[in-house]
PDB file of N, CA and C in Angstrom:
ATOM      1  N   MET A   1     163.699  52.968 114.421  1.00  0.00           N
ATOM      2  CA  MET A   1     164.622  52.308 113.948  1.00  0.00           C
ATOM      3  C   MET A   1     164.800  51.562 112.797  1.00  0.00           C
ATOM      4  N   PRO A   2     163.924  51.482 111.965  1.00  0.00           N
ATOM      5  CA  PRO A   2     163.647  51.238 110.511  1.00  0.00           C
ATOM      6  C   PRO A   2     164.155  52.458 110.221  1.00  0.00           C
ATOM      7  N   VAL A   3     163.532  53.609 110.378  1.00  0.00           N
ATOM      8  CA  VAL A   3     163.543  54.889 109.659  1.00  0.00           C
ATOM      9  C   VAL A   3     164.956  55.226 109.832  1.00  0.00           C
ATOM     10  N   PHE A   4     165.818  55.267 111.300  1.00  0.00           N
ATOM     11  CA  PHE A   4     167.458  55.522 111.136  1.00  0.00           C
ATOM     12  C   PHE A   4     168.281  54.323 110.372  1.00  0.00           C
ATOM     13  N   ILE A   5     167.848  53.330 110.228  1.00  0.00           N
ATOM     14  CA  ILE A   5     168.456  52.560 109.337  1.00  0.00           C
ATOM     15  C   ILE A   5     168.695  52.907 107.530  1.00  0.00           C
ATOM     16  N   SER A   6     167.322  52.997 107.428  1.00  0.00           N
ATOM     17  CA  SER A   6     167.070  53.757 106.000  1.00  0.00           C
ATOM     18  C   SER A   6     167.536  55.024 105.631  1.00  0.00           C
ATOM     19  N   MET A   7     167.765  55.736 106.845  1.00  0.00           N
ATOM     20  CA  MET A   7     168.256  56.953 106.167  1.00  0.00           C
ATOM     21  C   MET A   7     169.681  57.278 106.454  1.00  0.00           C
ATOM     22  N   THR A   8     170.526  56.580 106.742  1.00  0.00           N
ATOM     23  CA  THR A   8     171.854  56.282 107.172  1.00  0.00           C
ATOM     24  C   THR A   8     172.628  55.362 106.579  1.00  0.00           C
ATOM     25  N   SER A   9     171.934  54.559 105.457  1.00  0.00           N
ATOM     26  CA  SER A   9     172.433  53.446 104.932  1.00  0.00           C
ATOM     27  C   SER A   9     173.717  53.960 104.025  1.00  0.00           C
ATOM     28  N   TYR A  10     173.752  54.698 103.214  1.00  0.00           N
ATOM     29  CA  TYR A  10     174.992  55.333 102.756  1.00  0.00           C
ATOM     30  C   TYR A  10     175.927  55.426 103.428  1.00  0.00           C
ATOM     31  N   GLN A  11     176.042  55.857 104.920  1.00  0.00           N
ATOM     32  CA  GLN A  11     177.021  56.239 105.720  1.00  0.00           C
ATOM     33  C   GLN A  11     177.521  55.112 106.440  1.00  0.00           C
ATOM     34  N   ALA A  12     178.805  55.569 106.364  1.00  0.00           N
ATOM     35  CA  ALA A  12     179.876  54.488 107.295  1.00  0.00           C
ATOM     36  C   ALA A  12     179.399  54.325 108.293  1.00  0.00           C
ATOM     37  N   ALA A  13     180.321  53.743 109.232  1.00  0.00           N
ATOM     38  CA  ALA A  13     179.906  53.315 110.681  1.00  0.00           C
ATOM     39  C   ALA A  13     179.994  54.680 111.266  1.00  0.00           C
ATOM     40  N   ALA A  14     181.066  55.294 110.847  1.00  0.00           N
ATOM     41  CA  ALA A  14     181.632  56.296 111.709  1.00  0.00           C
ATOM     42  C   ALA A  14     180.488  57.543 111.721  1.00  0.00           C
ATOM     43  N   GLY A  15     180.492  57.532 110.389  1.00  0.00           N
ATOM     44  CA  GLY A  15     179.122  58.315 110.412  1.00  0.00           C
ATOM     45  C   GLY A  15     177.424  58.143 110.961  1.00  0.00           C
ATOM     46  N   ARG A  16     177.373  57.050 111.218  1.00  0.00           N
ATOM     47  CA  ARG A  16     176.010  56.476 111.786  1.00  0.00           C
ATOM     48  C   ARG A  16     176.502  56.844 113.093  1.00  0.00           C
ATOM     49  N   ASN A  17     177.226  56.441 113.386  1.00  0.00           N
ATOM     50  CA  ASN A  17     177.498  56.894 114.770  1.00  0.00           C
ATOM     51  C   ASN A  17     177.603  58.367 115.691  1.00  0.00           C
ATOM     52  N   LYS A  18     177.838  59.278 114.352  1.00  0.00           N
ATOM     53  CA  LYS A  18     177.718  60.934 114.292  1.00  0.00           C
ATOM     54  C   LYS A  18     176.758  60.828 114.593  1.00  0.00           C
ATOM     55  N   THR A  19     175.720  60.458 113.621  1.00  0.00           N
ATOM     56  CA  THR A  19     174.336  61.082 113.258  1.00  0.00           C
ATOM     57  C   THR A  19     173.542  60.423 114.835  1.00  0.00           C
ATOM     58  N   ASN A  20     174.029  59.564 115.246  1.00  0.00           N
ATOM     59  CA  ASN A  20     173.131  58.973 116.173  1.00  0.00           C
ATOM     60  C   ASN A  20     173.222  59.499 117.370  1.00  0.00           C
ATOM     61  N   MET A  21     174.366  59.997 117.611  1.00  0.00           N
ATOM     62  CA  MET A  21     174.950  61.016 118.696  1.00  0.00           C
ATOM     63  C   MET A  21     173.999  62.166 118.650  1.00  0.00           C
ATOM     64  N   THR A  22     174.051  62.621 117.189  1.00  0.00           N
ATOM     65  CA  THR A  22     173.418  63.900 117.046  1.00  0.00           C
ATOM     66  C   THR A  22     171.587  63.935 117.127  1.00  0.00           C
ATOM     67  N   ALA A  23     171.565  63.079 117.123  1.00  0.00           N
ATOM     68  CA  ALA A  23     169.813  62.828 117.136  1.00  0.00           C
ATOM     69  C   ALA A  23     169.953  62.420 118.403  1.00  0.00           C
ATOM     70  N   ASN A  24     170.580  61.802 119.266  1.00  0.00           N
ATOM     71  CA  ASN A  24     169.786  61.641 120.549  1.00  0.00           C
ATOM     72  C   ASN A  24     170.232  62.853 121.559  1.00  0.00           C
ATOM     73  N   LEU A  25     171.382  63.483 120.997  1.00  0.00           N
ATOM     74  CA  LEU A  25     171.291  64.699 121.665  1.00  0.00           C
ATOM     75  C   LEU A  25     170.136  65.649 121.460  1.00  0.00           C
ATOM     76  N   SER A  26     169.762  65.741 120.350  1.00  0.00           N
ATOM     77  CA  SER A  26     169.030  66.952 119.636  1.00  0.00           C
ATOM     78  C   SER A  26     167.456  66.396 120.797  1.00  0.00           C
ATOM     79  N   VAL A  27     167.030  65.059 120.776  1.00  0.00           N
ATOM     80  CA  VAL A  27     165.919  64.638 121.347  1.00  0.00           C
ATOM     81  C   VAL A  27     165.955  65.135 122.503  1.00  0.00           C
ATOM     82  N   ALA A  28     166.936  65.049 123.064  1.00  0.00           N
ATOM     83  CA  ALA A  28     167.224  65.434 124.735  1.00  0.00           C
ATOM     84  C   ALA A  28     167.124  66.883 124.842  1.00  0.00           C
ATOM     85  N   ILE A  29     167.889  67.639 123.987  1.00  0.00           N
ATOM     86  CA  ILE A  29     167.885  69.068 124.168  1.00  0.00           C
ATOM     87  C   ILE A  29     165.979  69.596 124.269  1.00  0.00           C
ATOM     88  N   ILE A  30     165.816  68.505 123.052  1.00  0.00           N
ATOM     89  CA  ILE A  30     164.305  69.385 122.368  1.00  0.00           C
ATOM     90  C   ILE A  30     163.133  69.126 123.823  1.00  0.00           C
ATOM     91  N   LEU A  31     163.521  67.570 124.158  1.00  0.00           N
ATOM     92  CA  LEU A  31     162.320  67.480 125.603  1.00  0.00           C
ATOM     93  C   LEU A  31     163.125  68.235 126.929  1.00  0.00           C
ATOM     94  N   TRP A  32     164.182  68.091 126.857  1.00  0.00           N
ATOM     95  CA  TRP A  32     164.012  69.433 128.558  1.00  0.00           C
ATOM     96  C   TRP A  32     163.611  70.599 128.220  1.00  0.00           C
ATOM     97  N   THR A  33     163.931  71.232 126.815  1.00  0.00           N
ATOM     98  CA  THR A  33     163.113  72.713 126.438  1.00  0.00           C
ATOM     99  C   THR A  33     161.761  72.607 126.812  1.00  0.00           C
ATOM    100  N   SER A  34     161.138  71.616 126.334  1.00  0.00           N
ATOM    101  CA  SER A  34     159.886  71.489 126.478  1.00  0.00           C
ATOM    102  C   SER A  34     159.347  71.461 127.756  1.00  0.00           C
ATOM    103  N   LEU A  35     160.017  70.291 128.737  1.00  0.00           N
ATOM    104  CA  LEU A  35     159.435  70.253 130.135  1.00  0.00           C
ATOM    105  C   LEU A  35     159.841  71.684 130.699  1.00  0.00           C
ATOM    106  N   PHE A  36     160.756  72.070 130.722  1.00  0.00           N
ATOM    107  CA  PHE A  36     160.767  73.627 131.491  1.00  0.00           C
ATOM    108  C   PHE A  36     160.378  74.712 130.823  1.00  0.00           C
ATOM    109  N   LEU A  37     160.163  74.835 129.634  1.00  0.00           N
ATOM    110  CA  LEU A  37     159.721  75.966 128.684  1.00  0.00           C
ATOM    111  C   LEU A  37     158.292  75.989 128.042  1.00  0.00           C
ATOM    112  N   GLY A  38     157.875  74.857 128.070  1.00  0.00           N
ATOM    113  CA  GLY A  38     156.737  74.410 127.087  1.00  0.00           C
ATOM    114  C   GLY A  38     155.499  74.986 127.516  1.00  0.00           C
ATOM    115  N   GLU A  39     155.296  75.045 128.563  1.00  0.00           N
ATOM    116  CA  GLU A  39     153.981  75.662 129.360  1.00  0.00           C
ATOM    117  C   GLU A  39     153.913  77.089 129.325  1.00  0.00           C
ATOM    118  N   GLY A  40     155.304  77.565 129.334  1.00  0.00           N
ATOM    119  CA  GLY A  40     155.295  79.033 129.276  1.00  0.00           C
ATOM    120  C   GLY A  40     154.975  79.737 128.123  1.00  0.00           C
ATOM    121  N   ILE A  41     155.272  79.017 127.025  1.00  0.00           N
ATOM    122  CA  ILE A  41     154.982  79.381 126.047  1.00  0.00           C
ATOM    123  C   ILE A  41     154.026  79.081 125.544  1.00  0.00           C
ATOM    124  N   LEU A  42     153.322  77.990 125.878  1.00  0.00           N
ATOM    125  CA  LEU A  42     151.927  78.064 125.371  1.00  0.00           C
ATOM    126  C   LEU A  42     151.216  79.033 125.698  1.00  0.00           C
ATOM    127  N   ARG A  43     151.198  79.464 126.868  1.00  0.00           N
ATOM    128  CA  ARG A  43     150.842  80.328 127.970  1.00  0.00           C
ATOM    129  C   ARG A  43     150.844  81.545 127.303  1.00  0.00           C
ATOM    130  N   MET A  44     152.114  81.926 126.979  1.00  0.00           N
ATOM    131  CA  MET A  44     152.092  83.369 125.950  1.00  0.00           C
ATOM    132  C   MET A  44     151.343  83.633 124.576  1.00  0.00           C
ATOM    133  N   PHE A  45     151.418  82.311 124.129  1.00  0.00           N
ATOM    134  CA  PHE A  45     150.701  82.573 122.783  1.00  0.00           C
ATOM    135  C   PHE A  45     148.926  82.090 123.188  1.00  0.00           C
ATOM    136  N   GLY A  46     148.795  81.739 123.933  1.00  0.00           N
ATOM    137  CA  GLY A  46     147.197  81.855 124.820  1.00  0.00           C
ATOM    138  C   GLY A  46     146.626  80.493 124.439  1.00  0.00           C
ATOM    139  N   ILE A  47     147.429  79.896 124.493  1.00  0.00           N
ATOM    140  CA  ILE A  47     147.152  78.105 124.130  1.00  0.00           C
ATOM    141  C   ILE A  47     147.013  77.459 124.922  1.00  0.00           C
ATOM    142  N   SER A  48     146.031  77.016 125.691  1.00  0.00           N
ATOM    143  CA  SER A  48     145.601  75.793 126.670  1.00  0.00           C
ATOM    144  C   SER A  48     145.899  74.365 125.857  1.00  0.00           C
ATOM    145  N   ILE A  49     146.439  73.665 127.541  1.00  0.00           N
ATOM    146  CA  ILE A  49     146.919  72.431 127.298  1.00  0.00           C
ATOM    147  C   ILE A  49     145.746  71.593 126.092  1.00  0.00           C
ATOM    148  N   ASP A  50     144.683  71.802 126.720  1.00  0.00           N
ATOM    149  CA  ASP A  50     143.329  71.247 125.860  1.00  0.00           C
ATOM    150  C   ASP A  50     143.503  71.274 124.679  1.00  0.00           C
ATOM    151  N   SER A  51     143.481  72.617 124.352  1.00  0.00           N
ATOM    152  CA  SER A  51     143.559  72.853 122.990  1.00  0.00           C
ATOM    153  C   SER A  51     144.789  72.332 121.636  1.00  0.00           C
ATOM    154  N   PHE A  52     145.823  72.252 122.706  1.00  0.00           N
ATOM    155  CA  PHE A  52     147.190  71.794 122.282  1.00  0.00           C
ATOM    156  C   PHE A  52     146.605  70.046 122.125  1.00  0.00           C
ATOM    157  N   ARG A  53     146.380  69.664 123.103  1.00  0.00           N
ATOM    158  CA  ARG A  53     145.594  68.075 122.916  1.00  0.00           C
ATOM    159  C   ARG A  53     145.087  67.978 121.576  1.00  0.00           C
ATOM    160  N   ILE A  54     143.827  68.496 121.379  1.00  0.00           N
ATOM    161  CA  ILE A  54     142.561  68.413 120.505  1.00  0.00           C
ATOM    162  C   ILE A  54     143.758  68.489 118.933  1.00  0.00           C
ATOM    163  N   ALA A  55     144.350  69.575 118.607  1.00  0.00           N
ATOM    164  CA  ALA A  55     144.907  69.728 117.605  1.00  0.00           C
ATOM    165  C   ALA A  55     146.379  68.641 117.650  1.00  0.00           C
ATOM    166  N   GLY A  56     146.696  68.129 117.998  1.00  0.00           N
ATOM    167  CA  GLY A  56     147.847  67.222 118.485  1.00  0.00           C
ATOM    168  C   GLY A  56     146.823  65.647 117.676  1.00  0.00           C
ATOM    169  N   GLY A  57     145.690  65.647 118.248  1.00  0.00           N
ATOM    170  CA  GLY A  57     144.572  64.614 117.749  1.00  0.00           C
ATOM    171  C   GLY A  57     144.286  64.662 116.447  1.00  0.00           C
ATOM    172  N   ILE A  58     144.111  65.783 116.360  1.00  0.00           N
ATOM    173  CA  ILE A  58     143.417  65.846 114.515  1.00  0.00           C
ATOM    174  C   ILE A  58     145.039  65.686 113.738  1.00  0.00           C
ATOM    175  N   LEU A  59     145.781  66.501 113.809  1.00  0.00           N
ATOM    176  CA  LEU A  59     147.314  65.846 113.452  1.00  0.00           C
ATOM    177  C   LEU A  59     147.631  64.816 113.166  1.00  0.00           C
ATOM    178  N   VAL A  60     147.688  63.969 114.407  1.00  0.00           N
ATOM    179  CA  VAL A  60     147.768  62.489 113.778  1.00  0.00           C
ATOM    180  C   VAL A  60     146.353  61.653 113.264  1.00  0.00           C
ATOM    181  N   VAL A  61     145.298  62.264 113.150  1.00  0.00           N
ATOM    182  CA  VAL A  61     144.046  61.645 112.752  1.00  0.00           C
ATOM    183  C   VAL A  61     144.659  61.842 111.545  1.00  0.00           C
ATOM    184  N   SER A  62     145.010  62.765 110.987  1.00  0.00           N
ATOM    185  CA  SER A  62     145.033  63.115 109.536  1.00  0.00           C
ATOM    186  C   SER A  62     146.084  62.739 108.490  1.00  0.00           C
ATOM    187  N   ILE A  63     147.306  62.658 109.803  1.00  0.00           N
ATOM    188  CA  ILE A  63     148.792  61.778 109.420  1.00  0.00           C
ATOM    189  C   ILE A  63     148.313  60.320 108.903  1.00  0.00           C
ATOM    190  N   ALA A  64     147.434  59.577 109.754  1.00  0.00           N
ATOM    191  CA  ALA A  64     146.656  58.094 109.821  1.00  0.00           C
ATOM    192  C   ALA A  64     145.956  58.224 108.441  1.00  0.00           C
ATOM    193  N   MET A  65     145.216  58.894 108.785  1.00  0.00           N
ATOM    194  CA  MET A  65     144.213  58.740 107.316  1.00  0.00           C
ATOM    195  C   MET A  65     144.752  58.999 105.681  1.00  0.00           C
ATOM    196  N   SER A  66     145.931  59.561 105.516  1.00  0.00           N
ATOM    197  CA  SER A  66     146.573  59.881 104.458  1.00  0.00           C
ATOM    198  C   SER A  66     147.580  58.553 104.067  1.00  0.00           C
ATOM    199  N   MET A  67     147.906  57.670 105.480  1.00  0.00           N
ATOM    200  CA  MET A  67     148.585  56.494 105.365  1.00  0.00           C
ATOM    201  C   MET A  67     147.562  55.434 105.087  1.00  0.00           C
ATOM    202  N   ILE A  68     146.384  55.720 105.442  1.00  0.00           N
ATOM    203  CA  ILE A  68     145.276  54.609 104.903  1.00  0.00           C
ATOM    204  C   ILE A  68     144.759  54.685 103.713  1.00  0.00           C
ATOM    205  N   SER A  69     144.842  55.800 102.975  1.00  0.00           N
ATOM    206  CA  SER A  69     144.507  55.967 101.853  1.00  0.00           C
ATOM    207  C   SER A  69     145.910  55.869 100.393  1.00  0.00           C
ATOM    208  N   GLY A  70     147.266  55.955 101.429  1.00  0.00           N
ATOM    209  CA  GLY A  70     148.055  55.773 100.281  1.00  0.00           C
ATOM    210  C   GLY A  70     148.615  56.894  99.851  1.00  0.00           C
ATOM    211  N   LYS A  71     148.110  57.674  99.645  1.00  0.00           N
ATOM    212  CA  LYS A  71     149.008  59.063  99.324  1.00  0.00           C
ATOM    213  C   LYS A  71     150.233  59.440 100.307  1.00  0.00           C
ATOM    214  N   LEU A  72     151.131  59.668  99.215  1.00  0.00           N
ATOM    215  CA  LEU A  72     152.603  60.319  99.624  1.00  0.00           C
ATOM    216  C   LEU A  72     152.390  61.362  99.320  1.00  0.00           C
ATOM    217  N   GLY A  73     153.350  62.131 100.241  1.00  0.00           N
ATOM    218  CA  GLY A  73     153.866  63.648 100.015  1.00  0.00           C
ATOM    219  C   GLY A  73     154.341  64.087  98.775  1.00  0.00           C
ATOM    220  N   GLU A  74     154.052  64.898  98.038  1.00  0.00           N
ATOM    221  CA  GLU A  74     154.531  65.237  96.462  1.00  0.00           C
ATOM    222  C   GLU A  74     156.227  65.935  96.946  1.00  0.00           C
ATOM    223  N   ASP A  75     156.954  65.315  95.960  1.00  0.00           N
ATOM    224  CA  ASP A  75     158.267  65.736  96.147  1.00  0.00           C
ATOM    225  C   ASP A  75     158.611  66.963  95.643  1.00  0.00           C
ATOM    226  N   LYS A  76     159.296  68.060  95.988  1.00  0.00           N
ATOM    227  CA  LYS A  76     159.617  69.129  95.243  1.00  0.00           C
ATOM    228  C   LYS A  76     161.347  69.089  94.714  1.00  0.00           C
ATOM    229  N   GLN A  77     161.938  67.990  94.750  1.00  0.00           N
ATOM    230  CA  GLN A  77     163.368  67.763  94.590  1.00  0.00           C
ATOM    231  C   GLN A  77     163.165  66.446  93.633  1.00  0.00           C
ATOM    232  N   ASN A  78     164.113  66.601  92.338  1.00  0.00           N
ATOM    233  CA  ASN A  78     164.665  65.172  91.648  1.00  0.00           C
ATOM    234  C   ASN A  78     165.356  64.229  92.703  1.00  0.00           C
ATOM    235  N   LYS A  79     165.554  62.898  91.969  1.00  0.00           N
ATOM    236  CA  LYS A  79     166.428  62.402  92.387  1.00  0.00           C
ATOM    237  C   LYS A  79     168.225  62.535  92.804  1.00  0.00           C
ATOM    238  N   GLN A  80     167.982  63.192  92.170  1.00  0.00           N
ATOM    239  CA  GLN A  80     170.015  63.584  92.239  1.00  0.00           C
ATOM    240  C   GLN A  80     170.063  65.017  93.352  1.00  0.00           C
ATOM    241  N   GLU A  81     168.838  65.958  93.022  1.00  0.00           N
ATOM    242  CA  GLU A  81     169.306  66.735  94.512  1.00  0.00           C
ATOM    243  C   GLU A  81     168.408  66.264  95.802  1.00  0.00           C
ATOM    244  N   LYS A  82     167.933  64.988  95.660  1.00  0.00           N
ATOM    245  CA  LYS A  82     167.805  64.398  97.121  1.00  0.00           C
ATOM    246  C   LYS A  82     169.147  63.918  97.416  1.00  0.00           C
ATOM    247  N   SER A  83     169.828  63.307  96.251  1.00  0.00           N
ATOM    248  CA  SER A  83     171.048  62.581  97.212  1.00  0.00           C
ATOM    249  C   SER A  83     171.914  63.569  97.261  1.00  0.00           C
ATOM    250  N   GLU A  84     172.031  64.755  96.714  1.00  0.00           N
ATOM    251  CA  GLU A  84     173.179  65.671  96.849  1.00  0.00           C
ATOM    252  C   GLU A  84     172.880  66.241  98.375  1.00  0.00           C
ATOM    253  N   SER A  85     171.504  66.604  98.657  1.00  0.00           N
ATOM    254  CA  SER A  85     170.998  67.361  99.702  1.00  0.00           C
ATOM    255  C   SER A  85     171.821  66.316 100.918  1.00  0.00           C
ATOM    256  N   ALA A  86     170.955  65.033 100.891  1.00  0.00           N
ATOM    257  CA  ALA A  86     171.714  63.909 101.925  1.00  0.00           C
ATOM    258  C   ALA A  86     172.795  63.967 101.892  1.00  0.00           C
ATOM    259  N   ILE A  87     174.086  63.591 101.167  1.00  0.00           N
ATOM    260  CA  ILE A  87     175.414  64.039 101.193  1.00  0.00           C
ATOM    261  C   ILE A  87     175.434  65.179 101.813  1.00  0.00           C
ATOM    262  N   ARG A  88     175.205  66.250 101.961  1.00  0.00           N
ATOM    263  CA  ARG A  88     175.202  67.461 102.504  1.00  0.00           C
ATOM    264  C   ARG A  88     174.735  67.657 103.893  1.00  0.00           C
ATOM    265  N   GLU A  89     174.065  67.527 103.861  1.00  0.00           N
ATOM    266  CA  GLU A  89     173.290  67.982 105.077  1.00  0.00           C
ATOM    267  C   GLU A  89     173.069  66.963 106.438  1.00  0.00           C
ATOM    268  N   SER A  90     173.651  67.408 107.501  1.00  0.00           N
ATOM    269  CA  SER A  90     173.316  66.405 108.832  1.00  0.00           C
ATOM    270  C   SER A  90     171.603  66.127 108.653  1.00  0.00           C
ATOM    271  N   ILE A  91     171.288  64.958 109.192  1.00  0.00           N
ATOM    272  CA  ILE A  91     169.846  64.266 109.533  1.00  0.00           C
ATOM    273  C   ILE A  91     169.727  64.344 110.752  1.00  0.00           C
ATOM    274  N   GLY A  92     170.745  64.523 111.529  1.00  0.00           N
ATOM    275  CA  GLY A  92     170.283  64.101 113.024  1.00  0.00           C
ATOM    276  C   GLY A  92     169.829  64.707 113.564  1.00  0.00           C
ATOM    277  N   VAL A  93     169.453  65.871 113.162  1.00  0.00           N
ATOM    278  CA  VAL A  93     168.363  66.492 113.937  1.00  0.00           C
ATOM    279  C   VAL A  93     166.902  66.639 112.887  1.00  0.00           C
ATOM    280  N   VAL A  94     167.216  67.212 112.201  1.00  0.00           N
ATOM    281  CA  VAL A  94     165.798  67.182 111.203  1.00  0.00           C
ATOM    282  C   VAL A  94     165.857  65.925 110.083  1.00  0.00           C
ATOM    283  N   PRO A  95     165.592  64.868 109.796  1.00  0.00           N
ATOM    284  CA  PRO A  95     164.310  64.532 110.274  1.00  0.00           C
ATOM    285  C   PRO A  95     164.101  63.396 111.416  1.00  0.00           C
ATOM    286  N   LEU A  96     165.046  62.990 111.786  1.00  0.00           N
ATOM    287  CA  LEU A  96     165.423  62.117 113.334  1.00  0.00           C
ATOM    288  C   LEU A  96     165.075  62.521 114.025  1.00  0.00           C
ATOM    289  N   ALA A  97     165.459  63.525 114.774  1.00  0.00           N
ATOM    290  CA  ALA A  97     165.165  63.930 116.076  1.00  0.00           C
ATOM    291  C   ALA A  97     163.511  64.586 116.251  1.00  0.00           C
ATOM    292  N   LEU A  98     163.305  65.861 114.966  1.00  0.00           N
ATOM    293  CA  LEU A  98     162.367  66.245 115.067  1.00  0.00           C
ATOM    294  C   LEU A  98     161.717  66.639 113.488  1.00  0.00           C
ATOM    295  N   PRO A  99     160.803  65.303 113.632  1.00  0.00           N
ATOM    296  CA  PRO A  99     160.211  65.542 112.505  1.00  0.00           C
ATOM    297  C   PRO A  99     159.553  66.714 111.868  1.00  0.00           C
TER     298      PRO A  99
END
């Protein structure tokens, strides 16, 4: 919820509602796709469920360690470019529905 509020603070109420619906619909599509096709996709690439769990755990630990150490991601854009891209692009799918 705080992420949604901070990312949509510049939008009017109608824009926030549209972003909310886009994010919710995107999450539903992603979850249903993962439910029905996820195991087949992993099998196609030769990845076992246990390997996927281990990789996910490593990813979570690495994110946690970067949060603990206070390292922030490097910005590739200046502030003006960020604000312009935020206005032009829909944030409903990325980063809200699929970080």
